Amino acid sequence: MKSYTPKEIVAILIAHGFELARIKGSHQVYVNRANGKRTVVPMHGKDLKKGTLHSILKQAGIELKERE
C-alpha cells in the first residue's frame, strides 16, 4: 500500500463528507455529521505509519477499495 501524508488523508476524509471539528495540539478531529463517525488525524510532518493509516480509515468507515 502507498504511504500517505496527513494532508492527503485529510483530503480523502473531506471528500467523504468529514469536516474539522476541533484541534488539540498536533491532532485534528474530523466528524462526518451525516453518519456520526469521528476520526483523529495526527498532523506530523512525515508519512503516517501503516497501522495508523488503517485505524483512521477504519474509524471513518472508508473501505480499502474506496481508498485506491
Protein backbone atom coordinates (compact mmCIF):
# COMPACT_ATOMS: atom_id res chain seq x y z
CA MET A 1 0.00 0.00 0.00
CA LYS A 2 1.14 3.51 -0.81
CA SER A 3 2.14 5.74 2.11
CA TYR A 4 0.11 8.88 2.77
CA THR A 5 0.87 12.19 4.44
CA PRO A 6 -1.60 13.63 6.95
CA LYS A 7 -2.65 16.27 4.39
CA GLU A 8 -3.52 13.57 1.85
CA ILE A 9 -5.61 11.72 4.45
CA VAL A 10 -7.44 14.95 5.34
CA ALA A 11 -8.27 15.45 1.64
CA ILE A 12 -9.69 11.90 1.49
CA LEU A 13 -11.77 12.49 4.63
CA ILE A 14 -13.14 15.79 3.31
CA ALA A 15 -14.05 14.09 0.03
CA HIS A 16 -16.07 11.58 2.08
CA GLY A 17 -18.04 14.28 3.90
CA PHE A 18 -15.89 14.82 7.01
CA GLU A 19 -15.25 18.27 8.42
CA LEU A 20 -12.83 19.58 11.02
CA ALA A 21 -14.46 19.56 14.46
CA ARG A 22 -11.56 20.62 16.67
CA ILE A 23 -7.79 20.70 17.10
CA LYS A 24 -5.90 19.59 20.19
CA GLY A 25 -2.14 20.00 19.92
CA SER A 26 -0.93 18.33 16.75
CA HIS A 27 -4.07 16.21 16.35
CA GLN A 28 -7.13 17.18 14.33
CA VAL A 29 -10.55 15.62 14.96
CA TYR A 30 -12.79 15.14 11.92
CA VAL A 31 -16.51 14.37 12.09
CA ASN A 32 -18.99 13.23 9.48
CA ARG A 33 -22.32 14.68 10.58
CA ALA A 34 -24.28 12.52 8.12
CA ASN A 35 -23.28 9.18 9.70
CA GLY A 36 -21.87 10.29 13.08
CA LYS A 37 -18.39 8.82 12.51
CA ARG A 38 -15.34 10.50 14.04
CA THR A 39 -11.62 10.07 13.50
CA VAL A 40 -8.40 11.73 14.66
CA VAL A 41 -5.52 12.60 12.33
CA PRO A 42 -2.05 13.29 13.79
CA MET A 43 -0.68 16.24 11.81
CA HIS A 44 3.01 15.40 11.94
CA GLY A 45 5.46 16.28 9.19
CA LYS A 46 6.01 12.74 7.92
CA ASP A 47 4.05 9.93 6.30
CA LEU A 48 1.62 8.07 8.55
CA LYS A 49 2.57 4.58 9.65
CA LYS A 50 0.59 1.77 8.07
CA GLY A 51 -1.25 0.85 11.28
CA THR A 52 -2.21 4.46 11.98
CA LEU A 53 -3.49 4.86 8.43
CA HIS A 54 -5.60 1.69 8.68
CA SER A 55 -7.01 2.83 12.04
CA ILE A 56 -8.01 6.26 10.71
CA LEU A 57 -9.74 4.81 7.67
CA LYS A 58 -11.46 2.09 9.74
CA GLN A 59 -12.81 4.70 12.18
CA ALA A 60 -14.02 6.76 9.20
CA GLY A 61 -15.72 3.74 7.61
CA ILE A 62 -13.74 4.04 4.38
CA GLU A 63 -13.13 0.68 2.68
CA LEU A 64 -9.85 -0.37 1.06
CA LYS A 65 -11.34 -0.33 -2.45
CA GLU A 66 -12.55 3.26 -1.92
CA ARG A 67 -9.03 4.45 -0.99
CA GLU A 68 -7.30 3.29 -4.16
